[in-house]
N, C-alpha and C. Protein backbone atom coordinates (compact mmCIF):
# COMPACT_ATOMS: atom_id res chain seq x y z
N UNK A 1 52.08 -51.23 -126.68
CA UNK A 1 52.11 -50.32 -125.56
C UNK A 1 50.77 -50.31 -124.82
N UNK A 2 49.63 -50.34 -125.58
CA UNK A 2 48.31 -50.37 -124.97
C UNK A 2 48.12 -51.64 -124.15
N UNK A 3 48.65 -52.74 -124.62
CA UNK A 3 48.51 -54.01 -123.91
C UNK A 3 49.21 -53.94 -122.56
N UNK A 4 50.37 -53.31 -122.53
CA UNK A 4 51.10 -53.16 -121.26
C UNK A 4 50.33 -52.25 -120.29
N UNK A 5 49.75 -51.19 -120.81
CA UNK A 5 48.98 -50.28 -119.96
C UNK A 5 47.74 -50.99 -119.41
N UNK A 6 47.07 -51.78 -120.24
CA UNK A 6 45.89 -52.51 -119.77
C UNK A 6 46.28 -53.57 -118.74
N UNK A 7 47.41 -54.22 -118.96
CA UNK A 7 47.89 -55.22 -117.99
C UNK A 7 48.20 -54.55 -116.65
N UNK A 8 48.87 -53.40 -116.73
CA UNK A 8 49.21 -52.64 -115.53
C UNK A 8 47.93 -52.21 -114.80
N UNK A 9 46.96 -51.61 -115.52
CA UNK A 9 45.70 -51.19 -114.91
C UNK A 9 44.96 -52.36 -114.28
N UNK A 10 44.91 -53.47 -114.99
CA UNK A 10 44.23 -54.65 -114.47
C UNK A 10 44.86 -55.15 -113.19
N UNK A 11 46.18 -55.20 -113.17
CA UNK A 11 46.91 -55.71 -111.99
C UNK A 11 46.74 -54.76 -110.80
N UNK A 12 46.85 -53.46 -111.04
CA UNK A 12 46.68 -52.47 -109.96
C UNK A 12 45.25 -52.55 -109.41
N UNK A 13 44.26 -52.65 -110.29
CA UNK A 13 42.87 -52.77 -109.86
C UNK A 13 42.67 -54.02 -109.02
N UNK A 14 43.24 -55.12 -109.45
CA UNK A 14 43.13 -56.38 -108.71
C UNK A 14 43.75 -56.26 -107.33
N UNK A 15 44.94 -55.67 -107.24
CA UNK A 15 45.61 -55.50 -105.96
C UNK A 15 44.82 -54.58 -105.03
N UNK A 16 44.31 -53.47 -105.58
CA UNK A 16 43.53 -52.55 -104.75
C UNK A 16 42.22 -53.17 -104.30
N UNK A 17 41.58 -53.94 -105.15
CA UNK A 17 40.34 -54.62 -104.76
C UNK A 17 40.57 -55.59 -103.62
N UNK A 18 41.73 -56.21 -103.59
CA UNK A 18 42.07 -57.13 -102.49
C UNK A 18 42.35 -56.37 -101.20
N UNK A 19 42.96 -55.21 -101.31
CA UNK A 19 43.34 -54.43 -100.12
C UNK A 19 42.18 -53.58 -99.59
N UNK A 20 41.43 -52.96 -100.49
CA UNK A 20 40.36 -52.05 -100.11
C UNK A 20 39.09 -52.51 -100.82
N UNK A 21 38.13 -52.89 -100.04
CA UNK A 21 36.88 -53.39 -100.63
C UNK A 21 36.15 -52.28 -101.37
N UNK A 22 35.59 -52.63 -102.49
CA UNK A 22 34.79 -51.68 -103.26
C UNK A 22 33.40 -51.64 -102.64
N UNK A 23 32.89 -50.46 -102.44
CA UNK A 23 31.55 -50.33 -101.88
C UNK A 23 30.82 -49.18 -102.56
N UNK A 24 29.54 -49.27 -102.55
CA UNK A 24 28.71 -48.26 -103.17
C UNK A 24 28.42 -47.16 -102.16
N UNK A 25 28.59 -45.91 -102.56
CA UNK A 25 28.35 -44.77 -101.69
C UNK A 25 27.24 -43.93 -102.32
N UNK A 26 26.26 -43.58 -101.51
CA UNK A 26 25.15 -42.76 -101.99
C UNK A 26 25.32 -41.35 -101.44
N UNK A 27 25.38 -40.39 -102.32
CA UNK A 27 25.46 -38.99 -101.93
C UNK A 27 24.12 -38.34 -102.26
N UNK A 28 23.44 -37.89 -101.25
CA UNK A 28 22.14 -37.28 -101.46
C UNK A 28 22.27 -35.77 -101.62
N UNK A 29 21.50 -35.24 -102.54
CA UNK A 29 21.46 -33.80 -102.75
C UNK A 29 20.56 -33.20 -101.68
N UNK A 30 21.11 -32.34 -100.87
CA UNK A 30 20.30 -31.71 -99.83
C UNK A 30 19.79 -30.37 -100.34
N UNK A 31 18.58 -30.01 -99.94
CA UNK A 31 18.05 -28.73 -100.39
C UNK A 31 18.79 -27.58 -99.72
N UNK A 32 18.87 -26.50 -100.43
CA UNK A 32 19.51 -25.32 -99.88
C UNK A 32 18.59 -24.70 -98.83
N UNK A 33 19.18 -24.14 -97.82
CA UNK A 33 18.43 -23.50 -96.76
C UNK A 33 17.89 -22.15 -97.25
N UNK A 34 16.71 -21.80 -96.79
CA UNK A 34 16.12 -20.53 -97.17
C UNK A 34 17.00 -19.38 -96.68
N UNK A 35 17.39 -18.52 -97.59
CA UNK A 35 18.18 -17.35 -97.23
C UNK A 35 19.67 -17.59 -97.13
N UNK A 36 20.13 -18.80 -97.40
CA UNK A 36 21.56 -19.11 -97.32
C UNK A 36 22.27 -18.46 -98.50
N UNK A 37 23.17 -17.53 -98.23
CA UNK A 37 23.81 -16.77 -99.30
C UNK A 37 25.33 -16.76 -99.12
N UNK A 38 25.99 -15.89 -99.86
CA UNK A 38 27.45 -15.80 -99.83
C UNK A 38 27.97 -15.51 -98.42
N UNK A 39 27.31 -14.61 -97.72
CA UNK A 39 27.73 -14.25 -96.36
C UNK A 39 27.67 -15.48 -95.44
N UNK A 40 26.63 -16.27 -95.59
CA UNK A 40 26.49 -17.49 -94.78
C UNK A 40 27.58 -18.51 -95.14
N UNK A 41 27.86 -18.64 -96.44
CA UNK A 41 28.91 -19.57 -96.87
C UNK A 41 30.26 -19.18 -96.28
N UNK A 42 30.56 -17.87 -96.31
CA UNK A 42 31.85 -17.41 -95.76
C UNK A 42 31.90 -17.63 -94.25
N UNK A 43 30.80 -17.37 -93.56
CA UNK A 43 30.76 -17.59 -92.11
C UNK A 43 30.93 -19.07 -91.78
N UNK A 44 30.30 -19.93 -92.58
CA UNK A 44 30.42 -21.37 -92.38
C UNK A 44 31.86 -21.82 -92.60
N UNK A 45 32.48 -21.29 -93.64
CA UNK A 45 33.87 -21.63 -93.92
C UNK A 45 34.78 -21.22 -92.77
N UNK A 46 34.54 -20.03 -92.21
CA UNK A 46 35.34 -19.56 -91.08
C UNK A 46 35.14 -20.45 -89.86
N UNK A 47 33.90 -20.83 -89.57
CA UNK A 47 33.63 -21.70 -88.42
C UNK A 47 34.34 -23.03 -88.58
N UNK A 48 34.28 -23.60 -89.77
CA UNK A 48 34.95 -24.89 -89.98
C UNK A 48 36.46 -24.77 -89.88
N UNK A 49 36.98 -23.66 -90.36
CA UNK A 49 38.42 -23.43 -90.26
C UNK A 49 38.84 -23.33 -88.79
N UNK A 50 38.08 -22.57 -88.01
CA UNK A 50 38.39 -22.44 -86.59
C UNK A 50 38.22 -23.77 -85.86
N UNK A 51 37.24 -24.57 -86.28
CA UNK A 51 37.06 -25.88 -85.66
C UNK A 51 38.27 -26.78 -85.93
N UNK A 52 38.75 -26.78 -87.17
CA UNK A 52 39.94 -27.58 -87.47
C UNK A 52 41.14 -27.13 -86.64
N UNK A 53 41.31 -25.82 -86.51
CA UNK A 53 42.42 -25.28 -85.71
C UNK A 53 42.27 -25.69 -84.24
N UNK A 54 41.05 -25.64 -83.73
CA UNK A 54 40.81 -26.01 -82.33
C UNK A 54 41.05 -27.50 -82.12
N UNK A 55 40.63 -28.32 -83.06
CA UNK A 55 40.86 -29.77 -82.94
C UNK A 55 42.35 -30.10 -83.03
N UNK A 56 43.06 -29.32 -83.83
CA UNK A 56 44.49 -29.55 -83.99
C UNK A 56 45.22 -29.29 -82.66
N UNK A 57 44.76 -28.30 -81.91
CA UNK A 57 45.39 -27.95 -80.63
C UNK A 57 45.04 -28.96 -79.55
N UNK A 58 43.78 -29.44 -79.56
CA UNK A 58 43.37 -30.38 -78.53
C UNK A 58 41.89 -30.68 -78.64
N UNK A 59 41.29 -31.00 -77.51
CA UNK A 59 39.89 -31.37 -77.48
C UNK A 59 39.00 -30.13 -77.56
N UNK A 60 37.84 -30.27 -78.19
CA UNK A 60 36.89 -29.16 -78.27
C UNK A 60 36.20 -28.89 -76.94
N UNK A 61 36.34 -29.80 -75.99
CA UNK A 61 35.73 -29.60 -74.68
C UNK A 61 36.65 -28.84 -73.72
N UNK A 62 37.86 -28.50 -74.17
CA UNK A 62 38.81 -27.75 -73.35
C UNK A 62 38.37 -26.28 -73.29
N UNK A 63 37.77 -25.89 -72.16
CA UNK A 63 37.23 -24.53 -72.04
C UNK A 63 38.31 -23.46 -71.89
N UNK A 64 39.52 -23.85 -71.56
CA UNK A 64 40.60 -22.88 -71.35
C UNK A 64 41.38 -22.57 -72.62
N UNK A 65 41.14 -23.30 -73.67
CA UNK A 65 41.87 -23.09 -74.91
C UNK A 65 41.33 -21.88 -75.66
N UNK A 66 42.21 -20.94 -76.04
CA UNK A 66 41.76 -19.76 -76.79
C UNK A 66 41.20 -20.12 -78.16
N UNK A 67 41.74 -21.15 -78.79
CA UNK A 67 41.24 -21.53 -80.11
C UNK A 67 39.84 -22.13 -80.01
N UNK A 68 39.56 -22.87 -78.94
CA UNK A 68 38.22 -23.42 -78.72
C UNK A 68 37.25 -22.29 -78.42
N UNK A 69 37.69 -21.31 -77.63
CA UNK A 69 36.83 -20.16 -77.32
C UNK A 69 36.50 -19.37 -78.58
N UNK A 70 37.49 -19.20 -79.46
CA UNK A 70 37.26 -18.48 -80.72
C UNK A 70 36.27 -19.25 -81.59
N UNK A 71 36.44 -20.58 -81.65
CA UNK A 71 35.52 -21.41 -82.44
C UNK A 71 34.10 -21.32 -81.91
N UNK A 72 33.94 -21.42 -80.58
CA UNK A 72 32.60 -21.37 -80.00
C UNK A 72 31.93 -20.01 -80.24
N UNK A 73 32.70 -18.94 -80.09
CA UNK A 73 32.15 -17.60 -80.32
C UNK A 73 31.70 -17.45 -81.77
N UNK A 74 32.55 -17.87 -82.70
CA UNK A 74 32.21 -17.76 -84.11
C UNK A 74 31.04 -18.66 -84.47
N UNK A 75 30.97 -19.82 -83.86
CA UNK A 75 29.87 -20.74 -84.12
C UNK A 75 28.54 -20.14 -83.67
N UNK A 76 28.54 -19.50 -82.50
CA UNK A 76 27.32 -18.83 -82.03
C UNK A 76 26.90 -17.72 -82.98
N UNK A 77 27.89 -16.95 -83.46
CA UNK A 77 27.59 -15.88 -84.41
C UNK A 77 27.05 -16.44 -85.72
N UNK A 78 27.58 -17.57 -86.16
CA UNK A 78 27.13 -18.21 -87.39
C UNK A 78 25.68 -18.66 -87.25
N UNK A 79 25.34 -19.30 -86.15
CA UNK A 79 23.97 -19.76 -85.92
C UNK A 79 23.01 -18.58 -85.85
N UNK A 80 23.42 -17.50 -85.20
CA UNK A 80 22.60 -16.29 -85.14
C UNK A 80 22.40 -15.72 -86.54
N UNK A 81 23.45 -15.70 -87.34
CA UNK A 81 23.36 -15.20 -88.72
C UNK A 81 22.38 -16.05 -89.52
N UNK A 82 22.48 -17.38 -89.41
CA UNK A 82 21.56 -18.27 -90.13
C UNK A 82 20.11 -18.00 -89.75
N UNK A 83 19.87 -17.87 -88.46
CA UNK A 83 18.50 -17.61 -88.00
C UNK A 83 17.97 -16.29 -88.52
N UNK A 84 18.81 -15.27 -88.50
CA UNK A 84 18.34 -13.96 -88.97
C UNK A 84 18.10 -13.97 -90.48
N UNK A 85 18.98 -14.65 -91.25
CA UNK A 85 18.79 -14.74 -92.70
C UNK A 85 17.52 -15.52 -93.03
N UNK A 86 17.29 -16.62 -92.33
CA UNK A 86 16.10 -17.43 -92.57
C UNK A 86 14.84 -16.63 -92.24
N UNK A 87 14.89 -15.93 -91.12
CA UNK A 87 13.74 -15.12 -90.71
C UNK A 87 13.47 -14.01 -91.73
N UNK A 88 14.52 -13.33 -92.16
CA UNK A 88 14.36 -12.26 -93.16
C UNK A 88 13.82 -12.81 -94.47
N UNK A 89 14.30 -13.98 -94.87
CA UNK A 89 13.84 -14.59 -96.11
C UNK A 89 12.34 -14.87 -96.05
N UNK A 90 11.89 -15.52 -94.96
CA UNK A 90 10.48 -15.89 -94.87
C UNK A 90 9.59 -14.67 -94.66
N UNK A 91 10.06 -13.68 -93.94
CA UNK A 91 9.29 -12.45 -93.77
C UNK A 91 9.08 -11.78 -95.12
N UNK A 92 10.14 -11.68 -95.88
CA UNK A 92 10.06 -11.08 -97.22
C UNK A 92 9.15 -11.92 -98.13
N UNK A 93 9.28 -13.22 -98.04
CA UNK A 93 8.47 -14.12 -98.87
C UNK A 93 6.98 -13.97 -98.55
N UNK A 94 6.65 -13.94 -97.27
CA UNK A 94 5.24 -13.81 -96.85
C UNK A 94 4.70 -12.45 -97.28
N UNK A 95 5.49 -11.40 -97.09
CA UNK A 95 5.04 -10.07 -97.48
C UNK A 95 4.84 -9.96 -98.99
N UNK A 96 5.70 -10.60 -99.77
CA UNK A 96 5.61 -10.53 -101.23
C UNK A 96 4.39 -11.28 -101.76
N UNK A 97 4.01 -12.37 -101.11
CA UNK A 97 2.89 -13.18 -101.60
C UNK A 97 1.65 -13.07 -100.72
N UNK A 98 1.58 -12.01 -99.96
CA UNK A 98 0.46 -11.81 -99.06
C UNK A 98 -0.86 -11.68 -99.82
N UNK A 99 -0.80 -11.15 -101.01
CA UNK A 99 -2.03 -10.96 -101.78
C UNK A 99 -2.49 -12.23 -102.49
N UNK A 100 -1.66 -13.28 -102.48
CA UNK A 100 -2.00 -14.55 -103.14
C UNK A 100 -1.86 -15.72 -102.16
N UNK A 101 -2.83 -15.88 -101.26
CA UNK A 101 -2.75 -16.95 -100.24
C UNK A 101 -2.54 -18.35 -100.79
N UNK A 102 -3.21 -18.77 -101.87
CA UNK A 102 -2.96 -20.14 -102.36
C UNK A 102 -1.50 -20.38 -102.74
N UNK A 103 -0.93 -19.39 -103.39
CA UNK A 103 0.48 -19.50 -103.79
C UNK A 103 1.39 -19.54 -102.57
N UNK A 104 1.07 -18.74 -101.57
CA UNK A 104 1.85 -18.72 -100.33
C UNK A 104 1.79 -20.08 -99.63
N UNK A 105 0.58 -20.65 -99.52
CA UNK A 105 0.44 -21.95 -98.86
C UNK A 105 1.13 -23.05 -99.65
N UNK A 106 1.10 -22.95 -100.96
CA UNK A 106 1.79 -23.94 -101.80
C UNK A 106 3.29 -23.91 -101.53
N UNK A 107 3.85 -22.72 -101.40
CA UNK A 107 5.29 -22.63 -101.12
C UNK A 107 5.63 -23.19 -99.75
N UNK A 108 4.74 -22.97 -98.76
CA UNK A 108 4.96 -23.56 -97.43
C UNK A 108 4.90 -25.09 -97.51
N UNK A 109 3.93 -25.61 -98.26
CA UNK A 109 3.80 -27.06 -98.40
C UNK A 109 5.02 -27.66 -99.07
N UNK A 110 5.51 -27.02 -100.11
CA UNK A 110 6.72 -27.50 -100.79
C UNK A 110 7.91 -27.47 -99.85
N UNK A 111 8.04 -26.40 -99.08
CA UNK A 111 9.14 -26.27 -98.14
C UNK A 111 9.08 -27.36 -97.08
N UNK A 112 7.89 -27.64 -96.55
CA UNK A 112 7.74 -28.68 -95.52
C UNK A 112 8.05 -30.06 -96.08
N UNK A 113 7.66 -30.34 -97.31
CA UNK A 113 7.95 -31.64 -97.93
C UNK A 113 9.45 -31.83 -98.08
N UNK A 114 10.13 -30.80 -98.57
CA UNK A 114 11.58 -30.87 -98.72
C UNK A 114 12.23 -31.00 -97.35
N UNK A 115 11.74 -30.26 -96.38
CA UNK A 115 12.30 -30.30 -95.03
C UNK A 115 12.16 -31.69 -94.43
N UNK A 116 10.99 -32.32 -94.62
CA UNK A 116 10.75 -33.66 -94.06
C UNK A 116 11.70 -34.68 -94.69
N UNK A 117 11.91 -34.57 -96.01
CA UNK A 117 12.81 -35.50 -96.70
C UNK A 117 14.25 -35.32 -96.27
N UNK A 118 14.61 -34.11 -95.85
CA UNK A 118 16.01 -33.82 -95.53
C UNK A 118 16.34 -34.02 -94.06
N UNK A 119 15.37 -34.32 -93.20
CA UNK A 119 15.64 -34.39 -91.77
C UNK A 119 16.65 -35.46 -91.40
N UNK A 120 16.75 -36.54 -92.17
CA UNK A 120 17.70 -37.59 -91.84
C UNK A 120 19.14 -37.15 -92.06
N UNK A 121 19.34 -36.10 -92.86
CA UNK A 121 20.69 -35.71 -93.24
C UNK A 121 21.10 -34.37 -92.63
N UNK A 122 20.36 -33.93 -91.62
CA UNK A 122 20.68 -32.64 -91.01
C UNK A 122 21.82 -32.78 -90.01
N UNK A 123 22.51 -31.71 -89.81
CA UNK A 123 23.53 -31.65 -88.78
C UNK A 123 23.61 -30.22 -88.29
N UNK A 124 24.52 -29.91 -87.41
CA UNK A 124 24.66 -28.56 -86.89
C UNK A 124 25.04 -27.59 -87.99
N UNK A 125 25.69 -28.08 -89.04
CA UNK A 125 26.15 -27.20 -90.11
C UNK A 125 25.05 -26.85 -91.09
N UNK A 126 23.97 -27.63 -91.10
CA UNK A 126 22.86 -27.32 -91.98
C UNK A 126 21.84 -26.53 -91.21
N UNK A 127 21.08 -25.74 -91.90
CA UNK A 127 20.06 -24.98 -91.19
C UNK A 127 18.70 -25.60 -91.40
């Protein structure tokens, strides 16, 4: 029975390799955005859901479509939320480490290094 299963697996693999080329895919771990929390995740999920609904109806450039208008409104609110969360995070961080400047500068340096490494993989959905 094992021999038949191996023969079947081998044949299926061979057929798929002929039809669909095997290629290596690299998935990079992106750093989390400062202040990105559950509320941001839910807002992001809602924006993506509205975007899919708007694309299903038609083009995203259709200004008369109610689904596109809802997506654009929610997207603006999402971006505003991200900016406010990021600002609140860094304000709190600076205030908490105000008495220890070396530690504060080290955290800024680490953040900038991570930010520089991640710039190639940014999009509108990342902050």
